Structure formats: C-alpha cells, structure tokens
N, C-alpha and C. Protein backbone atom coordinates (compact mmCIF):
# COMPACT_ATOMS: atom_id res chain seq x y z
N UNK A 1 221.86 125.83 40.77
CA UNK A 1 222.15 125.54 39.38
C UNK A 1 221.33 126.52 38.53
N UNK A 2 221.98 127.12 37.54
CA UNK A 2 221.25 128.06 36.66
C UNK A 2 220.10 127.36 35.93
N UNK A 3 219.00 128.07 35.69
CA UNK A 3 217.84 127.47 35.02
C UNK A 3 218.16 126.74 33.71
N UNK A 4 219.03 127.27 32.81
CA UNK A 4 219.31 126.51 31.59
C UNK A 4 219.93 125.13 31.88
N UNK A 5 220.79 125.06 32.90
CA UNK A 5 221.37 123.76 33.26
C UNK A 5 220.31 122.85 33.87
N UNK A 6 219.42 123.42 34.68
CA UNK A 6 218.33 122.63 35.26
C UNK A 6 217.49 122.00 34.16
N UNK A 7 217.19 122.78 33.13
CA UNK A 7 216.39 122.25 32.01
C UNK A 7 217.14 121.14 31.27
N UNK A 8 218.45 121.32 31.11
CA UNK A 8 219.24 120.31 30.41
C UNK A 8 219.23 118.99 31.17
N UNK A 9 219.42 119.04 32.48
CA UNK A 9 219.43 117.81 33.26
C UNK A 9 218.03 117.22 33.41
N UNK A 10 217.01 118.06 33.40
CA UNK A 10 215.63 117.55 33.38
C UNK A 10 215.38 116.81 32.06
N UNK A 11 215.92 117.36 30.97
CA UNK A 11 215.79 116.69 29.67
C UNK A 11 216.51 115.34 29.69
N UNK A 12 217.71 115.32 30.28
CA UNK A 12 218.44 114.05 30.40
C UNK A 12 217.61 113.02 31.15
N UNK A 13 217.05 113.45 32.27
CA UNK A 13 216.23 112.53 33.06
C UNK A 13 215.04 112.02 32.26
N UNK A 14 214.40 112.90 31.53
CA UNK A 14 213.25 112.51 30.71
C UNK A 14 213.66 111.49 29.64
N UNK A 15 214.80 111.73 29.00
CA UNK A 15 215.29 110.81 27.96
C UNK A 15 215.58 109.44 28.56
N UNK A 16 216.26 109.42 29.69
CA UNK A 16 216.63 108.14 30.31
C UNK A 16 215.39 107.42 30.84
N UNK A 17 214.57 108.13 31.59
CA UNK A 17 213.39 107.50 32.19
C UNK A 17 212.40 107.04 31.11
N UNK A 18 212.32 107.80 30.03
CA UNK A 18 211.41 107.43 28.94
C UNK A 18 212.03 106.46 27.95
N UNK A 19 213.27 106.06 28.21
CA UNK A 19 214.02 105.15 27.35
C UNK A 19 214.03 105.62 25.90
N UNK A 20 214.23 106.94 25.73
CA UNK A 20 214.31 107.54 24.40
C UNK A 20 215.79 107.68 24.02
N UNK A 21 216.46 106.56 23.92
CA UNK A 21 217.91 106.55 23.80
C UNK A 21 218.43 107.16 22.50
N UNK A 22 217.58 107.33 21.52
CA UNK A 22 218.03 107.97 20.28
C UNK A 22 218.37 109.45 20.52
N UNK A 23 217.88 110.02 21.62
CA UNK A 23 218.16 111.41 21.97
C UNK A 23 219.32 111.55 22.95
N UNK A 24 219.78 110.43 23.50
CA UNK A 24 220.76 110.46 24.58
C UNK A 24 222.10 111.07 24.17
N UNK A 25 222.61 110.70 23.01
CA UNK A 25 223.91 111.24 22.58
C UNK A 25 223.88 112.76 22.48
N UNK A 26 222.82 113.31 21.94
CA UNK A 26 222.71 114.76 21.81
C UNK A 26 222.73 115.44 23.18
N UNK A 27 221.96 114.93 24.11
CA UNK A 27 221.90 115.53 25.45
C UNK A 27 223.26 115.40 26.14
N UNK A 28 223.88 114.23 26.03
CA UNK A 28 225.18 114.03 26.68
C UNK A 28 226.26 114.93 26.06
N UNK A 29 226.18 115.19 24.77
CA UNK A 29 227.14 116.11 24.13
C UNK A 29 226.96 117.52 24.66
N UNK A 30 225.73 117.94 24.85
CA UNK A 30 225.48 119.28 25.39
C UNK A 30 225.95 119.40 26.83
N UNK A 31 225.80 118.33 27.60
CA UNK A 31 226.30 118.33 28.98
C UNK A 31 227.83 118.37 28.97
N UNK A 32 228.47 117.58 28.13
CA UNK A 32 229.93 117.57 28.04
C UNK A 32 230.47 118.94 27.64
N UNK A 33 229.72 119.66 26.80
CA UNK A 33 230.16 120.99 26.36
C UNK A 33 230.19 122.01 27.49
N UNK A 34 229.58 121.68 28.62
CA UNK A 34 229.63 122.58 29.77
C UNK A 34 231.01 122.60 30.42
N UNK A 35 231.81 121.57 30.12
CA UNK A 35 233.18 121.47 30.66
C UNK A 35 233.23 121.61 32.17
N UNK A 36 232.33 120.90 32.85
CA UNK A 36 232.28 120.96 34.31
C UNK A 36 233.42 120.15 34.92
N UNK A 37 233.79 120.53 36.12
CA UNK A 37 234.90 119.89 36.82
C UNK A 37 234.46 119.55 38.24
N UNK A 38 235.16 118.62 38.85
CA UNK A 38 234.91 118.25 40.24
C UNK A 38 236.11 118.65 41.07
N UNK A 39 235.85 119.11 42.28
CA UNK A 39 236.93 119.37 43.23
C UNK A 39 236.91 118.20 44.21
N UNK A 40 237.98 117.43 44.19
CA UNK A 40 238.09 116.23 45.01
C UNK A 40 238.39 116.60 46.46
N UNK A 41 238.18 115.67 47.40
CA UNK A 41 238.40 115.97 48.82
C UNK A 41 239.80 116.51 49.13
N UNK A 42 240.80 116.12 48.34
CA UNK A 42 242.16 116.60 48.59
C UNK A 42 242.42 117.95 47.92
N UNK A 43 241.38 118.55 47.33
CA UNK A 43 241.51 119.86 46.71
C UNK A 43 241.89 119.84 45.24
N UNK A 44 242.15 118.66 44.69
CA UNK A 44 242.50 118.56 43.28
C UNK A 44 241.27 118.86 42.42
N UNK A 45 241.44 119.69 41.42
CA UNK A 45 240.40 120.06 40.48
C UNK A 45 240.53 119.12 39.28
N UNK A 46 239.49 118.34 38.99
CA UNK A 46 239.59 117.31 37.95
C UNK A 46 238.45 117.42 36.94
N UNK A 47 238.76 117.24 35.65
CA UNK A 47 237.70 117.21 34.64
C UNK A 47 236.85 115.95 34.81
N UNK A 48 235.58 116.07 34.52
CA UNK A 48 234.68 114.92 34.64
C UNK A 48 234.01 114.62 33.31
N UNK A 49 233.51 113.40 33.20
CA UNK A 49 232.75 113.00 32.02
C UNK A 49 231.56 112.17 32.49
N UNK A 50 230.67 111.89 31.57
CA UNK A 50 229.49 111.08 31.86
C UNK A 50 228.72 111.60 33.08
N UNK A 51 228.55 112.93 33.15
CA UNK A 51 227.82 113.53 34.26
C UNK A 51 226.33 113.33 34.06
N UNK A 52 225.70 112.75 35.06
CA UNK A 52 224.25 112.57 35.06
C UNK A 52 223.72 113.13 36.38
N UNK A 53 222.83 114.09 36.29
CA UNK A 53 222.14 114.62 37.46
C UNK A 53 220.65 114.41 37.20
N UNK A 54 219.99 113.78 38.16
CA UNK A 54 218.56 113.51 38.03
C UNK A 54 217.82 114.42 39.01
N UNK A 55 217.22 115.51 38.51
CA UNK A 55 216.60 116.51 39.39
C UNK A 55 215.52 115.95 40.32
N UNK A 56 214.72 115.01 39.88
CA UNK A 56 213.62 114.56 40.73
C UNK A 56 214.10 113.72 41.91
N UNK A 57 215.25 113.06 41.78
CA UNK A 57 215.75 112.24 42.89
C UNK A 57 216.97 112.85 43.57
N UNK A 58 217.62 113.80 42.90
CA UNK A 58 218.85 114.38 43.43
C UNK A 58 220.07 113.50 43.23
N UNK A 59 219.92 112.41 42.48
CA UNK A 59 221.04 111.51 42.23
C UNK A 59 222.04 112.15 41.26
N UNK A 60 223.30 111.96 41.55
CA UNK A 60 224.38 112.49 40.71
C UNK A 60 225.40 111.38 40.49
N UNK A 61 225.85 111.24 39.25
CA UNK A 61 226.94 110.31 38.97
C UNK A 61 227.83 110.90 37.89
N UNK A 62 229.11 110.56 37.95
CA UNK A 62 230.06 111.01 36.94
C UNK A 62 231.30 110.15 37.05
N UNK A 63 232.15 110.24 36.05
CA UNK A 63 233.45 109.61 36.10
C UNK A 63 234.50 110.68 35.89
N UNK A 64 235.69 110.44 36.41
CA UNK A 64 236.78 111.35 36.15
C UNK A 64 237.22 111.17 34.72
N UNK A 65 237.39 112.26 33.99
CA UNK A 65 237.77 112.19 32.59
C UNK A 65 239.19 111.65 32.44
N UNK A 66 240.04 111.99 33.40
CA UNK A 66 241.39 111.45 33.43
C UNK A 66 241.87 111.55 34.88
N UNK A 67 242.84 110.76 35.22
CA UNK A 67 243.34 110.78 36.59
C UNK A 67 244.01 112.11 36.87
N UNK A 68 243.66 112.73 38.00
CA UNK A 68 244.34 113.98 38.34
C UNK A 68 245.79 113.71 38.66
N UNK A 69 246.64 114.69 38.37
CA UNK A 69 248.07 114.55 38.64
C UNK A 69 248.30 114.40 40.14
N UNK A 70 249.20 113.56 40.49
CA UNK A 70 249.54 113.39 41.89
C UNK A 70 250.36 114.57 42.36
N UNK A 71 250.03 115.07 43.51
CA UNK A 71 250.75 116.23 44.06
C UNK A 71 251.94 115.78 44.88
C-alpha cells in the first residue's frame, strides 16, 4: 500500500480507537474518494464502500457498493 494510503488508514484507526467520531465522516470521505474496488472470487470487479483497514491488526472490512452484474 502506498505511504499516503497507509497514513489515511492509520488516521482512520486512530479516530475509531480514540472514539473521535467527529472526525470520522471526513476520513471516510477521503477513503471513498480513492474509488477502490474489489475483485471477487469469480473475477467480477465490484465497487466497494465503507472500507476500513486497521493497520495494527490487519483487519479489513467493506461492503459492496452495489451488487455486481450477473454474468
């Protein structure tokens, strides 16, 4: 992961762990602006939302932004 993204997710972790929820929307907007996608096991490329990566634990969670089209 590029260093700027590492810093962004470290900031997310700090906000969540420190319960500084007034900063959460800003951090989540910056993460959403990355427009990251997931490649599913069947090869479908899908947009994701609510991406949370916690660098200290390696935990990752996200939701699919919309259902990928059926092939």
